[in-house]
Protein backbone atom coordinates (compact mmCIF):
# COMPACT_ATOMS: atom_id res chain seq x y z
CA MET A 1 -26.40 72.26 -80.33
CA ILE A 2 -28.79 72.85 -77.51
CA TYR A 3 -31.08 70.47 -79.02
CA ILE A 4 -28.38 67.66 -79.13
CA LYS A 5 -27.36 68.15 -75.53
CA ARG A 6 -31.05 67.85 -74.47
CA LEU A 7 -31.53 64.74 -76.39
CA CYS A 8 -28.56 63.16 -74.76
CA ALA A 9 -29.70 64.16 -71.36
CA ALA A 10 -33.00 62.58 -72.04
CA LEU A 11 -31.61 59.34 -73.27
CA ALA A 12 -29.30 59.13 -70.40
CA ALA A 13 -32.35 59.74 -68.02
CA ALA A 14 -34.28 57.01 -69.83
CA MET A 15 -31.45 54.59 -69.52
CA LEU A 16 -31.16 55.40 -65.76
CA ILE A 17 -34.88 54.68 -65.17
CA THR A 18 -34.45 51.38 -67.24
CA LEU A 19 -31.61 50.29 -65.07
CA VAL A 20 -33.46 51.11 -61.82
CA GLY A 21 -36.37 49.26 -62.82
CA CYS A 22 -34.35 46.08 -63.75
CA ASN A 23 -32.47 46.08 -60.35
CA ALA A 24 -35.63 46.72 -58.28
CA ALA A 25 -36.46 43.04 -58.47
CA VAL A 26 -33.16 42.04 -57.16
CA THR A 27 -32.93 41.98 -53.39
CA SER A 28 -29.47 42.74 -52.41
CA PRO A 29 -28.28 41.36 -49.01
CA VAL A 30 -28.06 43.89 -46.47
CA GLN A 31 -24.37 44.43 -45.52
CA GLY A 32 -23.68 42.88 -42.22
CA GLU A 33 -26.43 40.17 -42.42
CA GLU A 34 -25.58 36.49 -43.22
CA GLU A 35 -27.59 34.97 -45.87
CA LEU A 36 -29.86 32.50 -44.12
CA VAL A 37 -29.36 28.92 -45.56
CA ALA A 38 -31.99 26.37 -44.65
CA VAL A 39 -30.31 23.71 -42.49
CA PRO A 40 -31.52 20.18 -43.03
CA GLU A 41 -33.23 18.60 -40.22
CA ARG A 42 -30.99 16.27 -38.18
CA THR A 43 -31.89 12.62 -38.81
CA HIS A 44 -31.49 10.66 -35.51
CA THR A 45 -29.58 7.42 -36.31
CA PRO A 46 -31.27 4.69 -34.27
CA ALA A 47 -28.95 3.29 -31.64
CA PRO A 48 -27.92 -0.18 -32.50
CA VAL A 49 -29.83 -3.05 -30.82
CA LEU A 50 -27.44 -5.05 -28.71
CA THR A 51 -28.15 -8.66 -29.11
CA PRO A 52 -27.32 -10.29 -25.77
CA GLU A 53 -24.71 -12.89 -26.01
CA PRO A 54 -26.25 -16.36 -25.60
CA THR A 55 -25.72 -17.84 -22.06
CA PRO A 56 -24.04 -21.14 -22.52
CA GLU A 57 -26.52 -23.92 -21.33
CA GLN A 58 -25.42 -25.50 -18.15
CA THR A 59 -24.86 -29.09 -18.94
CA ALA A 60 -26.16 -31.05 -15.96
CA GLU A 61 -23.55 -33.15 -14.20
CA PRO A 62 -24.43 -36.78 -14.16
CA GLU A 63 -25.20 -38.03 -10.85
CA PRO A 64 -22.40 -40.24 -9.49
CA THR A 65 -23.05 -43.95 -10.12
CA GLU A 66 -22.40 -46.17 -7.21
CA GLU A 67 -19.92 -48.78 -8.18
CA PRO A 68 -21.26 -51.98 -7.46
CA ALA A 69 -19.50 -53.94 -4.73
CA PRO A 70 -17.47 -56.73 -6.08
CA SER A 71 -19.32 -60.04 -5.99
CA PRO A 72 -17.93 -62.48 -3.38
CA THR A 73 -16.11 -65.41 -4.89
CA PRO A 74 -18.48 -68.21 -5.11
CA ASP A 75 -17.83 -70.88 -2.53
CA ASP A 76 -16.24 -73.70 -4.29
CA GLY A 77 -16.24 -76.01 -1.20
CA LEU A 78 -12.21 -75.89 -1.11
CA PRO A 79 -11.36 -73.74 1.69
CA TYR A 80 -7.71 -74.69 1.83
CA TYR A 81 -4.48 -74.85 -0.24
CA LEU A 82 -1.62 -77.04 0.73
CA TYR A 83 2.08 -75.90 -0.12
CA VAL A 84 5.07 -78.22 0.59
CA GLU A 85 8.64 -77.08 0.40
CA LYS A 86 10.98 -80.05 0.35
CA GLY A 87 14.03 -77.99 1.12
CA SER A 88 12.52 -76.76 4.47
CA PHE A 89 10.56 -79.87 5.43
CA THR A 90 7.33 -77.79 5.79
CA LEU A 91 3.68 -78.12 4.77
CA THR A 92 1.81 -74.87 4.85
CA ILE A 93 -2.05 -74.78 4.95
CA CYS A 94 -3.28 -71.62 3.40
CA GLU A 95 -6.75 -70.31 3.53
CA LYS A 96 -8.63 -67.88 1.62
CA ASP A 97 -8.70 -64.06 1.90
CA GLU A 98 -11.67 -61.71 1.18
CA ASN A 99 -10.96 -61.97 -2.47
CA GLY A 100 -11.17 -65.66 -2.41
CA GLU A 101 -7.38 -66.14 -2.96
CA TYR A 102 -5.18 -68.42 -0.91
CA THR A 103 -2.92 -65.74 0.39
CA LYS A 104 -3.42 -66.34 4.35
CA VAL A 105 -1.32 -68.85 6.33
CA PHE A 106 -3.58 -70.92 8.54
CA ARG A 107 -0.66 -73.12 9.85
CA THR A 108 2.57 -74.68 8.97
CA TYR A 109 3.89 -77.89 10.04
CA ARG A 110 7.07 -79.99 9.98
CA ILE A 111 6.98 -83.01 7.61
CA ALA A 112 9.06 -85.97 6.60
CA HIS A 113 9.22 -86.66 2.86
CA GLY A 114 11.01 -89.22 0.66
CA GLY A 115 13.34 -86.99 -1.29
CA ASN A 116 13.38 -88.12 -4.98
CA LYS A 117 10.54 -90.34 -4.08
CA THR A 118 8.29 -87.33 -3.41
CA PRO A 119 8.19 -85.71 -6.71
CA ALA A 120 7.55 -82.07 -7.19
CA GLY A 121 4.40 -81.15 -8.92
CA THR A 122 0.87 -80.00 -8.51
CA TYR A 123 -1.67 -82.54 -7.29
CA THR A 124 -5.31 -82.86 -6.35
CA LEU A 125 -6.34 -84.73 -3.24
CA GLY A 126 -8.67 -87.60 -4.28
CA GLY A 127 -9.03 -91.05 -5.95
CA GLU A 128 -9.64 -94.34 -4.82
CA ASN A 129 -9.45 -94.70 -0.86
CA THR A 130 -9.02 -91.01 -0.54
CA ARG A 131 -9.39 -91.15 3.07
CA GLU A 132 -8.72 -93.84 5.65
CA ARG A 133 -8.88 -93.57 9.39
CA TRP A 134 -6.20 -96.23 9.50
CA HIS A 135 -3.96 -97.09 6.56
CA ASP A 136 -1.93 -100.33 6.45
CA PHE A 137 1.34 -100.37 4.60
CA PRO A 138 2.27 -103.54 2.72
CA ASP A 139 5.86 -103.69 4.42
CA GLY A 140 4.29 -103.33 7.85
CA GLY A 141 2.91 -100.63 10.08
CA THR A 142 -0.13 -98.49 9.99
CA VAL A 143 -0.91 -94.78 10.10
CA GLN A 144 -3.69 -92.55 11.26
CA TYR A 145 -5.66 -90.17 9.16
CA ALA A 146 -4.37 -90.89 5.73
CA THR A 147 -5.27 -88.70 2.70
CA ARG A 148 -4.40 -89.88 -0.71
CA TYR A 149 -2.78 -87.27 -3.19
CA GLU A 150 -1.14 -89.36 -5.93
CA GLY A 151 -1.12 -93.10 -6.50
CA ARG A 152 0.02 -94.84 -3.45
CA LEU A 153 1.26 -91.68 -1.90
CA TYR A 154 -0.61 -90.29 1.13
CA ILE A 155 -0.44 -87.40 3.64
CA HIS A 156 -0.49 -89.28 7.20
CA SER A 157 0.55 -89.40 10.95
CA PRO A 158 3.60 -91.14 12.36
CA LEU A 159 3.65 -95.03 12.15
CA TYR A 160 2.27 -97.50 14.63
CA ALA A 161 2.67 -101.15 15.29
CA THR A 162 -1.11 -101.60 15.19
CA SER A 163 -4.17 -99.53 14.95
CA ASP A 164 -3.79 -98.41 18.41
CA PRO A 165 -2.74 -94.88 19.03
CA THR A 166 -0.82 -95.71 22.06
CA GLN A 167 1.60 -97.97 20.07
CA MET A 168 3.43 -95.41 17.98
CA TRP A 169 6.92 -96.18 16.75
CA PRO A 170 9.06 -93.45 18.21
CA LYS A 171 11.77 -93.77 15.51
CA TYR A 172 9.18 -92.56 13.02
CA TYR A 173 8.37 -89.53 15.17
CA ASN A 174 11.66 -88.01 16.46
CA GLY A 175 14.12 -90.92 15.72
CA ASP A 176 16.41 -91.74 12.86
CA HIS A 177 13.57 -91.94 10.54
CA GLY A 178 11.54 -89.17 12.13
CA ILE A 179 9.75 -85.98 11.13
CA GLY A 180 11.86 -83.45 9.50
CA LEU A 181 14.17 -86.01 7.64
CA GLU A 182 14.10 -87.71 4.22
CA SER A 183 12.72 -90.87 5.65
CA THR A 184 9.57 -91.82 3.79
CA GLY A 185 8.75 -94.03 0.84
CA GLY A 186 7.31 -90.91 -0.93
CA CYS A 187 4.48 -90.01 1.48
CA LEU A 188 4.28 -86.87 3.56
CA ARG A 189 4.42 -87.79 7.15
CA MET A 190 3.26 -85.27 9.95
CA VAL A 191 2.14 -85.07 13.45
CA THR A 192 -1.29 -86.48 14.14
CA GLU A 193 -2.78 -83.07 14.72
CA ALA A 194 -1.95 -81.91 11.23
CA SER A 195 -2.94 -85.14 9.34
CA LYS A 196 -6.20 -85.20 11.31
CA PHE A 197 -6.80 -81.49 10.23
CA ILE A 198 -6.25 -82.40 6.53
CA TYR A 199 -8.19 -85.59 6.79
CA GLU A 200 -11.10 -83.65 8.22
CA ASN A 201 -11.14 -80.38 6.39
CA CYS A 202 -9.46 -80.65 3.01
CA PRO A 203 -12.01 -82.39 0.72
CA GLU A 204 -11.47 -83.96 -2.72
CA GLY A 205 -10.31 -81.40 -5.13
CA THR A 206 -7.98 -79.57 -2.73
CA THR A 207 -4.70 -78.47 -4.39
CA LEU A 208 -1.37 -79.76 -3.09
CA LYS A 209 1.79 -78.07 -4.44
CA ILE A 210 5.13 -79.66 -3.76
CA VAL A 211 8.31 -77.75 -4.85
CA ASN A 212 11.95 -78.56 -4.41
CA GLY A 213 14.13 -76.55 -2.27
CA SER A 214 12.78 -73.63 -0.13
CA PRO A 215 11.91 -70.79 -2.45
CA LEU A 216 9.85 -68.91 0.06
CA GLY A 217 12.20 -69.65 2.97
CA THR A 218 9.21 -71.28 4.85
CA THR A 219 10.00 -72.32 8.47
CA SER A 220 8.02 -74.25 11.12
CA GLU A 221 8.27 -74.91 14.80
CA ASP A 222 9.93 -78.05 16.18
CA ILE A 223 7.63 -80.99 16.79
CA PRO A 224 6.75 -81.29 20.53
CA SER A 225 8.37 -83.75 22.74
CA ARG A 226 6.60 -86.93 23.30
CA ASN A 227 7.87 -87.18 26.96
CA GLY A 228 8.82 -90.89 26.84
CA LEU A 229 5.35 -91.91 25.68
CA ARG A 230 4.38 -93.90 22.62
CA ILE A 231 1.63 -91.43 22.03
CA ASP A 232 1.78 -88.76 19.57
CA PRO A 233 1.74 -85.71 21.85
CA THR A 234 -0.51 -83.71 19.38
CA ASP A 235 -3.09 -86.68 19.34
CA TYR A 236 -5.12 -84.91 21.92
CA ASP A 237 -8.21 -87.32 21.67
CA THR A 238 -6.05 -90.18 22.79
CA LEU A 239 -4.20 -88.23 25.53
CA ARG A 240 -7.56 -87.20 27.02
CA GLU A 241 -8.91 -90.86 26.74
CA LYS A 242 -6.03 -92.15 28.59
CA GLY A 243 -6.05 -89.33 31.19
CA TYR A 244 -2.93 -87.54 30.33
CA ILE A 245 -4.67 -84.31 29.61
CA THR A 246 -7.98 -83.03 31.19
CA ASP A 247 -8.69 -79.91 29.12
């Protein structure tokens, strides 16, 4: 019996030694100490590279281009345009403005015309015997500064008995066949000043427009008094020559 007890004790001791030996290789963590775990090194993420926004290219503003000045209207040698209103018994001489258009009134004169014998229309000064210093009529009488505009129709002064500027027939000036009445055979009769201006300043090719009625309501001054003379009071050359005026 004693032997068996001793054997059991020896076996128990052997087993204890064996267990201690096995556990000696195992390192148990000390109570209260945290197990150290290797922390991976921090990887620094590179900051993103900011790409600068492209600066819009500044488009160079085009330099202002100077607009060319309008070319002057070529001189066509026709400085005047003639406009007749039969209803108001007027002839207006128009001249060119800065654009070359006939918008400026130079002067307006009282006229006599022939009613239906003076047809409305647009005419051009010119033709055979365009200008005559004195023009004789087949039925008698003569006129100064005659300028032809159509067929046998002229722009002219009052009538005279002869080619003498002191022998004007008064009735064709301010009488019952005078200026401001339907009293011609189709021509346009005016004071001498007006007929002379057209004779001297309105070349062939000048336009003459005649209209019925008075669409523009044109007016004109009365013809000046002849003061009992048989000289047209606007015939300044003759008046000077005869000593009636000195300026």
